Amino acid sequence: MHVRRTRSPTLTLVYLPHLDYDLQRCGPDHPRIGASLREIDALVGALLADAARDGARVIILSEYGITPVSTPIHVNRALRQAGLLRVRREGDGELLDPCQSDAFAVSDHQIAHIYVARPDLSDEVKRIVASLPGVERVLDRVEQKAVALDRARSGELVALARRDAWFTYYYWLDDRRAPDFARLVEIHRKPGYDPVELFVDPAIRFPKLAVASRLARRALGFTSLMDLIALDATLVRGSHGRLTDSVADGPVFLSSERRLVPEEPVAATAVKDLILRHIFD
């Protein structure tokens, strides 16, 4: 609101994380979500009131709908156990070595792109991944084309999770060999998204004291990792990425301008043009 009142931008984008984080932590059915809804409702109300001040058009958009999950799928561990994924030792931990691997996965919630070094291995990799508990489908290049996933950067195979499952990026077989960044909030070195970053390790008895001690060490000039993240993927209770079985569980596109929004469902690829219509129509 400060930026809008002092800069008058043509377009303002605001991310409200209230439901995103808690829905992944707790799942949609948890009582805590009621408080998150009330918080975001009050905040959206304030933003709408501010928009009314100068007649700004408003879009409320969710990229995805989060549904309950209970089954993590360790796709990279399965590829490693099959001898297809390789690691290298660095310090006390292991790092995924993509260049030396015959196959590895980049996980993103309920979808995983699987990169296969040699075409003759595709059928074997597809069979291994398809057999994992929680995997719904594994798409080769031809099958990807049918659902518009055949992009230049897509994996040779794309795996889709079952409605109650999601893909981890974990590739180590022993937590003692996990790399240091596995226990950190770290978006660059992990080969895939890690929703477990939303949790402080429940094994830490006094988490606030643990945070304070690490910050104190940093303040004194010592090196200190904020290694507070759990390695327990079963903590995650909500995820997204696959098409939801029910439309009611999916994303929404809301607008203050009824005439600028089509009656039929809005495709994700149409959002950009709809935003431009709201600005220039």
C-alpha atoms as a PDB file:
ATOM      1  CA  MET A   1       0.000   0.000   0.000  1.00  0.00           C
ATOM      2  CA  HIS A   2       2.921   2.319   0.693  1.00  0.00           C
ATOM      3  CA  VAL A   3       4.338   1.689  -2.785  1.00  0.00           C
ATOM      4  CA  ARG A   4       0.974   2.296  -4.441  1.00  0.00           C
ATOM      5  CA  ARG A   5       0.473   5.553  -2.572  1.00  0.00           C
ATOM      6  CA  THR A   6       3.974   6.884  -3.186  1.00  0.00           C
ATOM      7  CA  ARG A   7       4.790   5.539  -6.668  1.00  0.00           C
ATOM      8  CA  SER A   8       1.442   4.965  -8.461  1.00  0.00           C
ATOM      9  CA  PRO A   9       2.611   1.858 -10.353  1.00  0.00           C
ATOM     10  CA  THR A  10       0.712   0.590 -13.368  1.00  0.00           C
ATOM     11  CA  LEU A  11       0.792  -2.962 -12.010  1.00  0.00           C
ATOM     12  CA  THR A  12       1.335  -4.137  -8.444  1.00  0.00           C
ATOM     13  CA  LEU A  13       1.957  -7.804  -7.654  1.00  0.00           C
ATOM     14  CA  VAL A  14       1.535  -8.953  -4.042  1.00  0.00           C
ATOM     15  CA  TYR A  15       2.260 -12.459  -2.720  1.00  0.00           C
ATOM     16  CA  LEU A  16       0.272 -13.533   0.341  1.00  0.00           C
ATOM     17  CA  PRO A  17       1.842 -16.735   1.756  1.00  0.00           C
ATOM     18  CA  HIS A  18      -0.598 -17.448   4.599  1.00  0.00           C
ATOM     19  CA  LEU A  19      -2.387 -20.408   3.023  1.00  0.00           C
ATOM     20  CA  ASP A  20       0.547 -21.654   0.956  1.00  0.00           C
ATOM     21  CA  TYR A  21       2.797 -22.433   3.915  1.00  0.00           C
ATOM     22  CA  ASP A  22       0.230 -23.650   6.443  1.00  0.00           C
ATOM     23  CA  LEU A  23      -1.564 -25.849   3.921  1.00  0.00           C
ATOM     24  CA  GLN A  24       1.707 -27.612   3.145  1.00  0.00           C
ATOM     25  CA  ARG A  25       2.608 -27.935   6.808  1.00  0.00           C
ATOM     26  CA  CYS A  26      -0.743 -29.021   8.171  1.00  0.00           C
ATOM     27  CA  GLY A  27      -2.946 -30.048   5.249  1.00  0.00           C
ATOM     28  CA  PRO A  28      -6.295 -28.514   4.251  1.00  0.00           C
ATOM     29  CA  ASP A  29      -8.298 -30.189   7.021  1.00  0.00           C
ATOM     30  CA  HIS A  30      -6.220 -29.010   9.982  1.00  0.00           C
ATOM     31  CA  PRO A  31      -7.984 -26.679  12.486  1.00  0.00           C
ATOM     32  CA  ARG A  32      -5.105 -24.203  12.196  1.00  0.00           C
ATOM     33  CA  ILE A  33      -6.167 -23.366   8.629  1.00  0.00           C
ATOM     34  CA  GLY A  34      -9.210 -21.531   9.990  1.00  0.00           C
ATOM     35  CA  ALA A  35      -6.943 -18.969  11.662  1.00  0.00           C
ATOM     36  CA  SER A  36      -4.905 -18.625   8.452  1.00  0.00           C
ATOM     37  CA  LEU A  37      -8.108 -17.961   6.494  1.00  0.00           C
ATOM     38  CA  ARG A  38      -9.172 -15.254   8.926  1.00  0.00           C
ATOM     39  CA  GLU A  39      -5.748 -13.609   8.744  1.00  0.00           C
ATOM     40  CA  ILE A  40      -5.609 -13.562   4.953  1.00  0.00           C
ATOM     41  CA  ASP A  41      -9.238 -12.439   4.727  1.00  0.00           C
ATOM     42  CA  ALA A  42      -8.500  -9.396   6.891  1.00  0.00           C
ATOM     43  CA  LEU A  43      -5.397  -8.562   4.862  1.00  0.00           C
ATOM     44  CA  VAL A  44      -7.181  -8.921   1.521  1.00  0.00           C
ATOM     45  CA  GLY A  45      -9.933  -6.689   2.871  1.00  0.00           C
ATOM     46  CA  ALA A  46      -7.394  -3.957   3.606  1.00  0.00           C
ATOM     47  CA  LEU A  47      -5.873  -4.306   0.132  1.00  0.00           C
ATOM     48  CA  LEU A  48      -9.300  -4.133  -1.519  1.00  0.00           C
ATOM     49  CA  ALA A  49     -10.157  -1.016   0.450  1.00  0.00           C
ATOM     50  CA  ASP A  50      -6.914   0.579  -0.679  1.00  0.00           C
ATOM     51  CA  ALA A  51      -7.621  -0.390  -4.299  1.00  0.00           C
ATOM     52  CA  ALA A  52     -11.048   1.248  -4.068  1.00  0.00           C
ATOM     53  CA  ARG A  53      -9.341   4.511  -3.122  1.00  0.00           C
ATOM     54  CA  ASP A  54      -8.220   5.121  -6.722  1.00  0.00           C
ATOM     55  CA  GLY A  55     -10.451   2.648  -8.582  1.00  0.00           C
ATOM     56  CA  ALA A  56      -7.721   0.077  -9.247  1.00  0.00           C
ATOM     57  CA  ARG A  57      -8.815  -3.181 -10.807  1.00  0.00           C
ATOM     58  CA  VAL A  58      -8.090  -6.231  -8.662  1.00  0.00           C
ATOM     59  CA  ILE A  59      -7.245  -9.831  -9.524  1.00  0.00           C
ATOM     60  CA  ILE A  60      -6.932 -12.535  -6.892  1.00  0.00           C
ATOM     61  CA  LEU A  61      -5.076 -15.513  -8.322  1.00  0.00           C
ATOM     62  CA  SER A  62      -3.929 -18.794  -6.827  1.00  0.00           C
ATOM     63  CA  GLU A  63      -1.398 -20.757  -8.856  1.00  0.00           C
ATOM     64  CA  TYR A  64      -2.521 -24.097  -7.480  1.00  0.00           C
ATOM     65  CA  GLY A  65      -4.827 -25.853  -5.063  1.00  0.00           C
ATOM     66  CA  ILE A  66      -3.170 -27.740  -2.207  1.00  0.00           C
ATOM     67  CA  THR A  67      -4.595 -31.158  -1.301  1.00  0.00           C
ATOM     68  CA  PRO A  68      -3.794 -33.596   1.543  1.00  0.00           C
ATOM     69  CA  VAL A  69      -0.780 -35.907   1.188  1.00  0.00           C
ATOM     70  CA  SER A  70       0.740 -38.615   3.362  1.00  0.00           C
ATOM     71  CA  THR A  71       3.192 -40.483   1.103  1.00  0.00           C
ATOM     72  CA  PRO A  72       6.628 -39.114   0.142  1.00  0.00           C
ATOM     73  CA  ILE A  73       8.195 -40.709  -2.941  1.00  0.00           C
ATOM     74  CA  HIS A  74      11.994 -40.936  -2.823  1.00  0.00           C
ATOM     75  CA  VAL A  75      12.513 -41.213  -6.555  1.00  0.00           C
ATOM     76  CA  ASN A  76      16.236 -40.375  -6.548  1.00  0.00           C
ATOM     77  CA  ARG A  77      16.930 -42.976  -3.876  1.00  0.00           C
ATOM     78  CA  ALA A  78      15.267 -45.604  -6.054  1.00  0.00           C
ATOM     79  CA  LEU A  79      17.402 -44.583  -9.031  1.00  0.00           C
ATOM     80  CA  ARG A  80      20.515 -44.752  -6.880  1.00  0.00           C
ATOM     81  CA  GLN A  81      19.649 -48.198  -5.523  1.00  0.00           C
ATOM     82  CA  ALA A  82      19.266 -49.330  -9.139  1.00  0.00           C
ATOM     83  CA  GLY A  83      22.797 -48.123  -9.871  1.00  0.00           C
ATOM     84  CA  LEU A  84      21.631 -45.325 -12.184  1.00  0.00           C
ATOM     85  CA  LEU A  85      22.253 -42.278  -9.973  1.00  0.00           C
ATOM     86  CA  ARG A  86      25.737 -41.476  -8.741  1.00  0.00           C
ATOM     87  CA  VAL A  87      27.054 -39.242  -5.993  1.00  0.00           C
ATOM     88  CA  ARG A  88      30.410 -37.831  -4.987  1.00  0.00           C
ATOM     89  CA  ARG A  89      31.705 -37.329  -1.475  1.00  0.00           C
ATOM     90  CA  GLU A  90      32.371 -33.799  -0.290  1.00  0.00           C
ATOM     91  CA  GLY A  91      33.393 -33.375   3.326  1.00  0.00           C
ATOM     92  CA  ASP A  92      31.161 -35.603   5.416  1.00  0.00           C
ATOM     93  CA  GLY A  93      28.264 -35.528   2.967  1.00  0.00           C
ATOM     94  CA  GLU A  94      27.251 -36.698  -0.484  1.00  0.00           C
ATOM     95  CA  LEU A  95      26.419 -34.575  -3.505  1.00  0.00           C
ATOM     96  CA  LEU A  96      24.349 -35.678  -6.476  1.00  0.00           C
ATOM     97  CA  ASP A  97      26.585 -35.954  -9.551  1.00  0.00           C
ATOM     98  CA  PRO A  98      24.306 -35.317 -12.558  1.00  0.00           C
ATOM     99  CA  CYS A  99      27.088 -35.573 -15.152  1.00  0.00           C
ATOM    100  CA  GLN A 100      28.081 -39.069 -14.019  1.00  0.00           C
ATOM    101  CA  SER A 101      24.525 -40.307 -13.484  1.00  0.00           C
ATOM    102  CA  ASP A 102      22.602 -42.365 -16.010  1.00  0.00           C
ATOM    103  CA  ALA A 103      19.357 -41.005 -14.552  1.00  0.00           C
ATOM    104  CA  PHE A 104      18.299 -38.520 -11.889  1.00  0.00           C
ATOM    105  CA  ALA A 105      15.133 -36.622 -11.004  1.00  0.00           C
ATOM    106  CA  VAL A 106      14.376 -32.987 -10.289  1.00  0.00           C
ATOM    107  CA  SER A 107      11.361 -33.033  -8.011  1.00  0.00           C
ATOM    108  CA  ASP A 108       8.717 -30.319  -7.752  1.00  0.00           C
ATOM    109  CA  HIS A 109       5.919 -31.275  -5.356  1.00  0.00           C
ATOM    110  CA  GLN A 110       3.714 -33.785  -7.220  1.00  0.00           C
ATOM    111  CA  ILE A 111       5.670 -33.815 -10.471  1.00  0.00           C
ATOM    112  CA  ALA A 112       9.210 -34.981 -11.160  1.00  0.00           C
ATOM    113  CA  HIS A 113      11.291 -34.486 -14.289  1.00  0.00           C
ATOM    114  CA  ILE A 114      13.562 -37.469 -14.808  1.00  0.00           C
ATOM    115  CA  TYR A 115      16.624 -36.946 -16.980  1.00  0.00           C
ATOM    116  CA  VAL A 116      17.973 -40.079 -18.670  1.00  0.00           C
ATOM    117  CA  ALA A 117      21.444 -39.983 -20.198  1.00  0.00           C
ATOM    118  CA  ARG A 118      20.930 -42.755 -22.785  1.00  0.00           C
ATOM    119  CA  PRO A 119      17.800 -43.584 -24.805  1.00  0.00           C
ATOM    120  CA  ASP A 120      18.305 -47.316 -24.269  1.00  0.00           C
ATOM    121  CA  LEU A 121      17.794 -46.822 -20.521  1.00  0.00           C
ATOM    122  CA  SER A 122      14.433 -45.058 -20.771  1.00  0.00           C
ATOM    123  CA  ASP A 123      12.294 -48.188 -20.537  1.00  0.00           C
ATOM    124  CA  GLU A 124      14.215 -49.460 -17.497  1.00  0.00           C
ATOM    125  CA  VAL A 125      14.002 -46.093 -15.723  1.00  0.00           C
ATOM    126  CA  LYS A 126      10.305 -45.807 -16.534  1.00  0.00           C
ATOM    127  CA  ARG A 127       9.669 -49.262 -15.084  1.00  0.00           C
ATOM    128  CA  ILE A 128      11.592 -48.465 -11.880  1.00  0.00           C
ATOM    129  CA  VAL A 129       9.832 -45.156 -11.284  1.00  0.00           C
ATOM    130  CA  ALA A 130       6.372 -46.480 -12.191  1.00  0.00           C
ATOM    131  CA  SER A 131       6.760 -49.251  -9.598  1.00  0.00           C
ATOM    132  CA  LEU A 132       7.312 -46.850  -6.686  1.00  0.00           C
ATOM    133  CA  PRO A 133       4.434 -46.574  -4.179  1.00  0.00           C
ATOM    134  CA  GLY A 134       2.613 -43.292  -4.760  1.00  0.00           C
ATOM    135  CA  VAL A 135       3.470 -42.860  -8.458  1.00  0.00           C
ATOM    136  CA  GLU A 136       0.398 -42.515 -10.656  1.00  0.00           C
ATOM    137  CA  ARG A 137       1.888 -42.177 -14.144  1.00  0.00           C
ATOM    138  CA  VAL A 138       5.252 -41.899 -15.888  1.00  0.00           C
ATOM    139  CA  LEU A 139       5.147 -40.103 -19.238  1.00  0.00           C
ATOM    140  CA  ASP A 140       7.658 -40.567 -22.044  1.00  0.00           C
ATOM    141  CA  ARG A 141       8.184 -37.915 -24.724  1.00  0.00           C
ATOM    142  CA  VAL A 142       5.206 -39.036 -26.799  1.00  0.00           C
ATOM    143  CA  GLU A 143       2.892 -39.135 -23.773  1.00  0.00           C
ATOM    144  CA  GLN A 144       4.183 -35.742 -22.612  1.00  0.00           C
ATOM    145  CA  LYS A 145       3.140 -34.207 -25.926  1.00  0.00           C
ATOM    146  CA  ALA A 146      -0.454 -35.272 -25.347  1.00  0.00           C
ATOM    147  CA  VAL A 147      -0.594 -33.159 -22.169  1.00  0.00           C
ATOM    148  CA  ALA A 148       1.634 -30.278 -23.375  1.00  0.00           C
ATOM    149  CA  LEU A 149       4.607 -31.179 -21.187  1.00  0.00           C
ATOM    150  CA  ASP A 150       7.034 -31.846 -24.036  1.00  0.00           C
ATOM    151  CA  ARG A 151       9.207 -28.775 -23.475  1.00  0.00           C
ATOM    152  CA  ALA A 152      12.902 -28.350 -24.267  1.00  0.00           C
ATOM    153  CA  ARG A 153      13.849 -28.523 -20.586  1.00  0.00           C
ATOM    154  CA  SER A 154      11.468 -31.323 -19.637  1.00  0.00           C
ATOM    155  CA  GLY A 155      12.941 -34.611 -18.547  1.00  0.00           C
ATOM    156  CA  GLU A 156      13.023 -37.557 -20.909  1.00  0.00           C
ATOM    157  CA  LEU A 157      10.417 -38.904 -18.485  1.00  0.00           C
ATOM    158  CA  VAL A 158       7.923 -37.007 -16.331  1.00  0.00           C
ATOM    159  CA  ALA A 159       6.442 -38.686 -13.271  1.00  0.00           C
ATOM    160  CA  LEU A 160       3.113 -37.665 -11.748  1.00  0.00           C
ATOM    161  CA  ALA A 161       2.250 -38.516  -8.157  1.00  0.00           C
ATOM    162  CA  ARG A 162      -0.924 -40.055  -6.854  1.00  0.00           C
ATOM    163  CA  ARG A 163      -3.295 -37.578  -5.190  1.00  0.00           C
ATOM    164  CA  ASP A 164      -1.973 -38.436  -1.692  1.00  0.00           C
ATOM    165  CA  ALA A 165       1.730 -38.499  -2.608  1.00  0.00           C
ATOM    166  CA  TRP A 166       4.579 -36.147  -3.521  1.00  0.00           C
ATOM    167  CA  PHE A 167       8.211 -36.379  -4.693  1.00  0.00           C
ATOM    168  CA  THR A 168      11.235 -35.634  -2.505  1.00  0.00           C
ATOM    169  CA  TYR A 169      14.631 -34.711  -3.897  1.00  0.00           C
ATOM    170  CA  TYR A 170      16.448 -36.955  -1.368  1.00  0.00           C
ATOM    171  CA  TYR A 171      19.188 -39.081  -2.928  1.00  0.00           C
ATOM    172  CA  TRP A 172      21.310 -40.209   0.076  1.00  0.00           C
ATOM    173  CA  LEU A 173      20.624 -43.593   1.643  1.00  0.00           C
ATOM    174  CA  ASP A 174      21.908 -42.724   5.125  1.00  0.00           C
ATOM    175  CA  ASP A 175      21.002 -39.455   6.874  1.00  0.00           C
ATOM    176  CA  ARG A 176      24.547 -39.321   8.224  1.00  0.00           C
ATOM    177  CA  ARG A 177      25.653 -38.815   4.609  1.00  0.00           C
ATOM    178  CA  ALA A 178      23.173 -36.027   3.860  1.00  0.00           C
ATOM    179  CA  PRO A 179      24.879 -32.845   2.607  1.00  0.00           C
ATOM    180  CA  ASP A 180      24.999 -29.860   4.958  1.00  0.00           C
ATOM    181  CA  PHE A 181      22.417 -27.964   2.873  1.00  0.00           C
ATOM    182  CA  ALA A 182      19.813 -30.678   3.466  1.00  0.00           C
ATOM    183  CA  ARG A 183      19.256 -29.247   6.957  1.00  0.00           C
ATOM    184  CA  LEU A 184      19.215 -25.630   5.732  1.00  0.00           C
ATOM    185  CA  VAL A 185      16.709 -23.373   4.005  1.00  0.00           C
ATOM    186  CA  GLU A 186      18.566 -23.516   0.710  1.00  0.00           C
ATOM    187  CA  ILE A 187      16.911 -22.953  -2.662  1.00  0.00           C
ATOM    188  CA  HIS A 188      19.955 -23.155  -4.927  1.00  0.00           C
ATOM    189  CA  ARG A 189      21.857 -26.348  -4.111  1.00  0.00           C
ATOM    190  CA  LYS A 190      18.967 -28.759  -3.627  1.00  0.00           C
ATOM    191  CA  PRO A 191      18.039 -30.603  -6.847  1.00  0.00           C
ATOM    192  CA  GLY A 192      14.344 -30.026  -6.327  1.00  0.00           C
ATOM    193  CA  TYR A 193      11.889 -28.221  -4.086  1.00  0.00           C
ATOM    194  CA  ASP A 194      12.007 -29.130  -0.386  1.00  0.00           C
ATOM    195  CA  PRO A 195       8.787 -28.458   1.562  1.00  0.00           C
ATOM    196  CA  VAL A 196      10.397 -29.973   4.671  1.00  0.00           C
ATOM    197  CA  GLU A 197      12.125 -26.587   4.985  1.00  0.00           C
ATOM    198  CA  LEU A 198       8.834 -25.433   6.508  1.00  0.00           C
ATOM    199  CA  PHE A 199       9.603 -27.498   9.636  1.00  0.00           C
ATOM    200  CA  VAL A 200      12.136 -27.102  12.397  1.00  0.00           C
ATOM    201  CA  ASP A 201      13.484 -30.536  13.264  1.00  0.00           C
ATOM    202  CA  PRO A 202      11.155 -31.893  15.979  1.00  0.00           C
ATOM    203  CA  ALA A 203      14.162 -33.697  17.475  1.00  0.00           C
ATOM    204  CA  ILE A 204      15.494 -30.289  18.616  1.00  0.00           C
ATOM    205  CA  ARG A 205      14.090 -29.998  22.148  1.00  0.00           C
ATOM    206  CA  PHE A 206      14.395 -26.211  22.460  1.00  0.00           C
ATOM    207  CA  PRO A 207      14.160 -24.781  18.931  1.00  0.00           C
ATOM    208  CA  LYS A 208      14.097 -21.106  19.957  1.00  0.00           C
ATOM    209  CA  LEU A 209      17.230 -21.622  22.021  1.00  0.00           C
ATOM    210  CA  ALA A 210      18.864 -23.422  19.086  1.00  0.00           C
ATOM    211  CA  VAL A 211      18.108 -20.492  16.772  1.00  0.00           C
ATOM    212  CA  ALA A 212      19.325 -17.948  19.348  1.00  0.00           C
ATOM    213  CA  SER A 213      22.609 -19.801  19.951  1.00  0.00           C
ATOM    214  CA  ARG A 214      23.399 -19.925  16.228  1.00  0.00           C
ATOM    215  CA  LEU A 215      22.579 -16.240  15.776  1.00  0.00           C
ATOM    216  CA  ALA A 216      24.755 -15.398  18.776  1.00  0.00           C
ATOM    217  CA  ARG A 217      27.688 -17.280  17.248  1.00  0.00           C
ATOM    218  CA  ARG A 218      27.245 -15.335  14.029  1.00  0.00           C
ATOM    219  CA  ALA A 219      27.084 -12.056  15.936  1.00  0.00           C
ATOM    220  CA  LEU A 220      30.407 -12.953  17.568  1.00  0.00           C
ATOM    221  CA  GLY A 221      31.977 -13.547  14.160  1.00  0.00           C
ATOM    222  CA  PHE A 222      31.945 -17.335  14.169  1.00  0.00           C
ATOM    223  CA  THR A 223      30.726 -19.469  11.274  1.00  0.00           C
ATOM    224  CA  SER A 224      27.438 -21.129  12.167  1.00  0.00           C
ATOM    225  CA  LEU A 225      25.058 -23.079   9.961  1.00  0.00           C
ATOM    226  CA  MET A 226      21.336 -22.649  10.585  1.00  0.00           C
ATOM    227  CA  ASP A 227      21.013 -26.423  10.413  1.00  0.00           C
ATOM    228  CA  LEU A 228      17.552 -26.667  11.931  1.00  0.00           C
ATOM    229  CA  ILE A 229      15.573 -28.422   9.200  1.00  0.00           C
ATOM    230  CA  ALA A 230      14.252 -31.948   9.639  1.00  0.00           C
ATOM    231  CA  LEU A 231      15.014 -34.785   7.224  1.00  0.00           C
ATOM    232  CA  ASP A 232      11.633 -36.423   7.802  1.00  0.00           C
ATOM    233  CA  ALA A 233       9.526 -36.090   4.652  1.00  0.00           C
ATOM    234  CA  THR A 234       6.483 -37.603   6.393  1.00  0.00           C
ATOM    235  CA  LEU A 235       5.984 -34.268   8.180  1.00  0.00           C
ATOM    236  CA  VAL A 236       4.526 -32.720   5.002  1.00  0.00           C
ATOM    237  CA  ARG A 237       0.714 -32.804   4.933  1.00  0.00           C
ATOM    238  CA  GLY A 238      -0.190 -30.834   1.802  1.00  0.00           C
ATOM    239  CA  SER A 239       1.093 -30.654  -1.766  1.00  0.00           C
ATOM    240  CA  HIS A 240       0.159 -29.718  -5.328  1.00  0.00           C
ATOM    241  CA  GLY A 241       1.188 -30.083  -8.952  1.00  0.00           C
ATOM    242  CA  ARG A 242      -1.032 -32.791 -10.407  1.00  0.00           C
ATOM    243  CA  LEU A 243      -4.460 -31.923 -11.785  1.00  0.00           C
ATOM    244  CA  THR A 244      -6.886 -32.101  -8.879  1.00  0.00           C
ATOM    245  CA  ASP A 245      -9.584 -34.751  -8.960  1.00  0.00           C
ATOM    246  CA  SER A 246     -12.156 -32.123  -7.955  1.00  0.00           C
ATOM    247  CA  VAL A 247     -12.439 -28.667  -9.514  1.00  0.00           C
ATOM    248  CA  ALA A 248     -13.238 -27.311  -6.048  1.00  0.00           C
ATOM    249  CA  ASP A 249      -9.719 -28.247  -4.921  1.00  0.00           C
ATOM    250  CA  GLY A 250      -8.028 -26.408  -7.773  1.00  0.00           C
ATOM    251  CA  PRO A 251      -6.766 -22.841  -8.227  1.00  0.00           C
ATOM    252  CA  VAL A 252      -9.009 -19.816  -8.676  1.00  0.00           C
ATOM    253  CA  PHE A 253      -8.982 -16.622 -10.746  1.00  0.00           C
ATOM    254  CA  LEU A 254     -11.087 -13.863  -9.161  1.00  0.00           C
ATOM    255  CA  SER A 255     -11.564 -10.398 -10.627  1.00  0.00           C
ATOM    256  CA  SER A 256     -13.287  -7.159  -9.767  1.00  0.00           C
ATOM    257  CA  GLU A 257     -14.123  -6.820 -13.497  1.00  0.00           C
ATOM    258  CA  ARG A 258     -16.696  -9.443 -14.462  1.00  0.00           C
ATOM    259  CA  ARG A 259     -16.742  -8.417 -18.138  1.00  0.00           C
ATOM    260  CA  LEU A 260     -12.993  -9.067 -18.490  1.00  0.00           C
ATOM    261  CA  VAL A 261     -13.145 -12.673 -17.302  1.00  0.00           C
ATOM    262  CA  PRO A 262     -14.482 -15.524 -19.470  1.00  0.00           C
ATOM    263  CA  GLU A 263     -17.308 -17.707 -18.230  1.00  0.00           C
ATOM    264  CA  GLU A 264     -15.380 -20.910 -18.916  1.00  0.00           C
ATOM    265  CA  PRO A 265     -12.438 -22.087 -16.780  1.00  0.00           C
ATOM    266  CA  VAL A 266      -9.275 -20.016 -17.150  1.00  0.00           C
ATOM    267  CA  ALA A 267      -6.226 -21.835 -18.484  1.00  0.00           C
ATOM    268  CA  ALA A 268      -2.924 -21.073 -16.751  1.00  0.00           C
ATOM    269  CA  THR A 269      -1.503 -20.005 -20.116  1.00  0.00           C
ATOM    270  CA  ALA A 270      -4.254 -17.368 -20.427  1.00  0.00           C
ATOM    271  CA  VAL A 271      -3.432 -15.547 -17.184  1.00  0.00           C
ATOM    272  CA  LYS A 272      -0.847 -13.195 -18.710  1.00  0.00           C
ATOM    273  CA  ASP A 273      -3.265 -11.927 -21.373  1.00  0.00           C
ATOM    274  CA  LEU A 274      -6.042 -11.530 -18.784  1.00  0.00           C
ATOM    275  CA  ILE A 275      -3.774  -9.375 -16.639  1.00  0.00           C
ATOM    276  CA  LEU A 276      -2.887  -7.234 -19.654  1.00  0.00           C
ATOM    277  CA  ARG A 277      -6.609  -6.854 -20.447  1.00  0.00           C
ATOM    278  CA  HIS A 278      -7.186  -5.569 -16.919  1.00  0.00           C
ATOM    279  CA  ILE A 279      -4.459  -2.981 -17.412  1.00  0.00           C
ATOM    280  CA  PHE A 280      -5.173  -1.776 -20.941  1.00  0.00           C
ATOM    281  CA  ASP A 281      -8.849  -2.524 -21.710  1.00  0.00           C
END
